[in-house]
Amino acid sequence: MNAKYDPEKCRELIQETIDIEFFRTICDPVRSELLIFLASSGELSIGEIAENFPQNRSGYLDI
C-alpha cells in the first residue's frame, strides 16, 4: 500500500504548527480540572481557588 503523504513531512508539519507541550500540559488530570473550574467559576481569589483544590504543597518549597 502506497501512502498518499510522506509521513515524515506530515510529522514535521504537525510539530511546526501545533504546540504539543501545551496539549500535554492541559491533558494532565489536575490541570484540566483546574482549567474547567476556572472557566466555569469566573473571577476568584487564589484563596478561593485553593479551597477547591486542596493539595499538600509542603514538598514544593526547599528553603
N, C-alpha and C. Protein backbone atom coordinates (compact mmCIF):
# COMPACT_ATOMS: atom_id res chain seq x y z
N MET A 1 0.84 -1.18 0.00
CA MET A 1 0.00 0.00 0.00
C MET A 1 0.89 1.25 0.00
N ASN A 2 0.67 2.12 -0.95
CA ASN A 2 1.44 3.35 -1.05
C ASN A 2 0.76 4.47 -0.27
N ALA A 3 1.52 5.15 0.58
CA ALA A 3 0.98 6.27 1.34
C ALA A 3 0.82 7.47 0.42
N LYS A 4 -0.28 8.20 0.58
CA LYS A 4 -0.54 9.39 -0.21
C LYS A 4 0.39 10.52 0.20
N TYR A 5 0.75 10.53 1.48
CA TYR A 5 1.55 11.62 2.02
C TYR A 5 2.81 11.06 2.66
N ASP A 6 3.85 11.84 2.66
CA ASP A 6 5.10 11.46 3.28
C ASP A 6 4.95 11.59 4.80
N PRO A 7 5.01 10.49 5.55
CA PRO A 7 4.82 10.55 6.99
C PRO A 7 5.78 11.51 7.69
N GLU A 8 7.02 11.58 7.25
CA GLU A 8 7.99 12.47 7.89
C GLU A 8 7.63 13.93 7.68
N LYS A 9 7.17 14.27 6.48
CA LYS A 9 6.75 15.65 6.21
C LYS A 9 5.51 16.00 7.02
N CYS A 10 4.60 15.04 7.17
CA CYS A 10 3.41 15.26 7.99
C CYS A 10 3.80 15.50 9.44
N ARG A 11 4.74 14.70 9.95
CA ARG A 11 5.21 14.85 11.32
C ARG A 11 5.83 16.24 11.52
N GLU A 12 6.66 16.66 10.59
CA GLU A 12 7.30 17.97 10.68
C GLU A 12 6.26 19.09 10.66
N LEU A 13 5.27 18.97 9.78
CA LEU A 13 4.22 19.98 9.68
C LEU A 13 3.45 20.09 11.00
N ILE A 14 3.11 18.97 11.59
CA ILE A 14 2.39 18.96 12.87
C ILE A 14 3.25 19.58 13.96
N GLN A 15 4.51 19.20 14.03
CA GLN A 15 5.39 19.73 15.06
C GLN A 15 5.62 21.23 14.91
N GLU A 16 5.59 21.73 13.69
CA GLU A 16 5.80 23.16 13.44
C GLU A 16 4.55 23.99 13.73
N THR A 17 3.36 23.39 13.60
CA THR A 17 2.13 24.18 13.70
C THR A 17 1.32 23.95 14.97
N ILE A 18 1.57 22.87 15.68
CA ILE A 18 0.80 22.56 16.88
C ILE A 18 1.72 22.57 18.09
N ASP A 19 1.30 23.23 19.14
CA ASP A 19 2.08 23.29 20.37
C ASP A 19 1.80 22.02 21.20
N ILE A 20 2.53 20.97 20.92
CA ILE A 20 2.33 19.68 21.57
C ILE A 20 2.49 19.80 23.09
N GLU A 21 3.46 20.56 23.56
CA GLU A 21 3.68 20.71 25.00
C GLU A 21 2.47 21.34 25.69
N PHE A 22 1.81 22.27 25.01
CA PHE A 22 0.60 22.87 25.57
C PHE A 22 -0.45 21.79 25.81
N PHE A 23 -0.69 20.94 24.82
CA PHE A 23 -1.69 19.90 24.96
C PHE A 23 -1.29 18.87 26.01
N ARG A 24 -0.02 18.55 26.11
CA ARG A 24 0.43 17.64 27.17
C ARG A 24 0.15 18.25 28.54
N THR A 25 0.35 19.54 28.65
CA THR A 25 0.14 20.23 29.92
C THR A 25 -1.33 20.21 30.32
N ILE A 26 -2.23 20.58 29.41
CA ILE A 26 -3.64 20.64 29.79
C ILE A 26 -4.29 19.26 29.86
N CYS A 27 -3.63 18.24 29.37
CA CYS A 27 -4.17 16.88 29.47
C CYS A 27 -3.87 16.24 30.83
N ASP A 28 -3.03 16.89 31.62
CA ASP A 28 -2.81 16.43 32.98
C ASP A 28 -4.14 16.53 33.72
N PRO A 29 -4.59 15.46 34.40
CA PRO A 29 -5.93 15.48 35.02
C PRO A 29 -6.17 16.64 35.98
N VAL A 30 -5.22 16.95 36.84
CA VAL A 30 -5.41 18.04 37.80
C VAL A 30 -5.48 19.37 37.07
N ARG A 31 -4.61 19.57 36.12
CA ARG A 31 -4.61 20.84 35.37
C ARG A 31 -5.87 21.01 34.55
N SER A 32 -6.36 19.93 33.94
CA SER A 32 -7.58 20.05 33.15
C SER A 32 -8.78 20.33 34.05
N GLU A 33 -8.84 19.72 35.24
CA GLU A 33 -9.92 20.02 36.19
C GLU A 33 -9.84 21.47 36.65
N LEU A 34 -8.63 21.96 36.90
CA LEU A 34 -8.45 23.35 37.30
C LEU A 34 -8.90 24.29 36.19
N LEU A 35 -8.56 23.98 34.97
CA LEU A 35 -8.96 24.80 33.83
C LEU A 35 -10.49 24.85 33.70
N ILE A 36 -11.14 23.71 33.84
CA ILE A 36 -12.60 23.65 33.77
C ILE A 36 -13.21 24.45 34.93
N PHE A 37 -12.65 24.28 36.12
CA PHE A 37 -13.14 25.00 37.29
C PHE A 37 -13.03 26.51 37.08
N LEU A 38 -11.88 26.96 36.61
CA LEU A 38 -11.68 28.40 36.40
C LEU A 38 -12.62 28.95 35.32
N ALA A 39 -12.80 28.20 34.27
CA ALA A 39 -13.66 28.64 33.17
C ALA A 39 -15.13 28.73 33.62
N SER A 40 -15.54 27.86 34.54
CA SER A 40 -16.95 27.85 34.94
C SER A 40 -17.23 28.68 36.19
N SER A 41 -16.20 29.13 36.88
CA SER A 41 -16.40 29.84 38.15
C SER A 41 -16.27 31.35 38.06
N GLY A 42 -15.68 31.85 37.03
CA GLY A 42 -15.47 33.28 36.94
C GLY A 42 -14.29 33.73 37.78
N GLU A 43 -14.28 35.00 38.10
CA GLU A 43 -13.15 35.58 38.81
C GLU A 43 -13.16 35.15 40.28
N LEU A 44 -12.03 34.60 40.74
CA LEU A 44 -11.87 34.15 42.12
C LEU A 44 -10.49 34.57 42.63
N SER A 45 -10.38 34.67 43.94
CA SER A 45 -9.07 34.92 44.53
C SER A 45 -8.30 33.60 44.57
N ILE A 46 -7.00 33.68 44.77
CA ILE A 46 -6.20 32.46 44.86
C ILE A 46 -6.63 31.61 46.05
N GLY A 47 -7.07 32.26 47.14
CA GLY A 47 -7.57 31.54 48.29
C GLY A 47 -8.83 30.74 47.98
N GLU A 48 -9.74 31.35 47.22
CA GLU A 48 -10.97 30.66 46.83
C GLU A 48 -10.67 29.48 45.91
N ILE A 49 -9.72 29.66 45.05
CA ILE A 49 -9.33 28.56 44.15
C ILE A 49 -8.71 27.44 44.98
N ALA A 50 -7.81 27.79 45.90
CA ALA A 50 -7.11 26.79 46.72
C ALA A 50 -8.09 26.00 47.58
N GLU A 51 -9.17 26.63 48.03
CA GLU A 51 -10.17 25.91 48.83
C GLU A 51 -10.79 24.76 48.06
N ASN A 52 -10.86 24.88 46.76
CA ASN A 52 -11.47 23.85 45.92
C ASN A 52 -10.48 22.83 45.40
N PHE A 53 -9.20 23.08 45.60
CA PHE A 53 -8.16 22.17 45.15
C PHE A 53 -7.14 21.95 46.26
N PRO A 54 -7.58 21.31 47.34
CA PRO A 54 -6.64 21.10 48.45
C PRO A 54 -5.55 20.11 48.06
N GLN A 55 -4.32 20.53 48.24
CA GLN A 55 -3.17 19.68 47.97
C GLN A 55 -2.08 20.00 48.97
N ASN A 56 -1.28 19.03 49.27
CA ASN A 56 -0.14 19.24 50.14
C ASN A 56 0.97 19.87 49.33
N ARG A 57 1.31 21.10 49.64
CA ARG A 57 2.34 21.83 48.90
C ARG A 57 3.66 21.87 49.64
N SER A 58 3.75 21.14 50.75
CA SER A 58 4.96 21.23 51.58
C SER A 58 6.21 20.76 50.86
N GLY A 59 6.08 19.89 49.89
CA GLY A 59 7.24 19.38 49.17
C GLY A 59 7.73 20.27 48.06
N TYR A 60 7.00 21.36 47.79
CA TYR A 60 7.36 22.22 46.68
C TYR A 60 8.43 23.24 47.01
N LEU A 61 8.52 23.60 48.29
CA LEU A 61 9.48 24.63 48.67
C LEU A 61 10.65 24.03 49.42
N ASP A 62 11.82 24.24 48.90
CA ASP A 62 13.04 23.80 49.57
C ASP A 62 13.73 25.04 50.10
N ILE A 63 13.54 25.30 51.38
CA ILE A 63 14.10 26.52 51.96
C ILE A 63 15.38 26.19 52.70
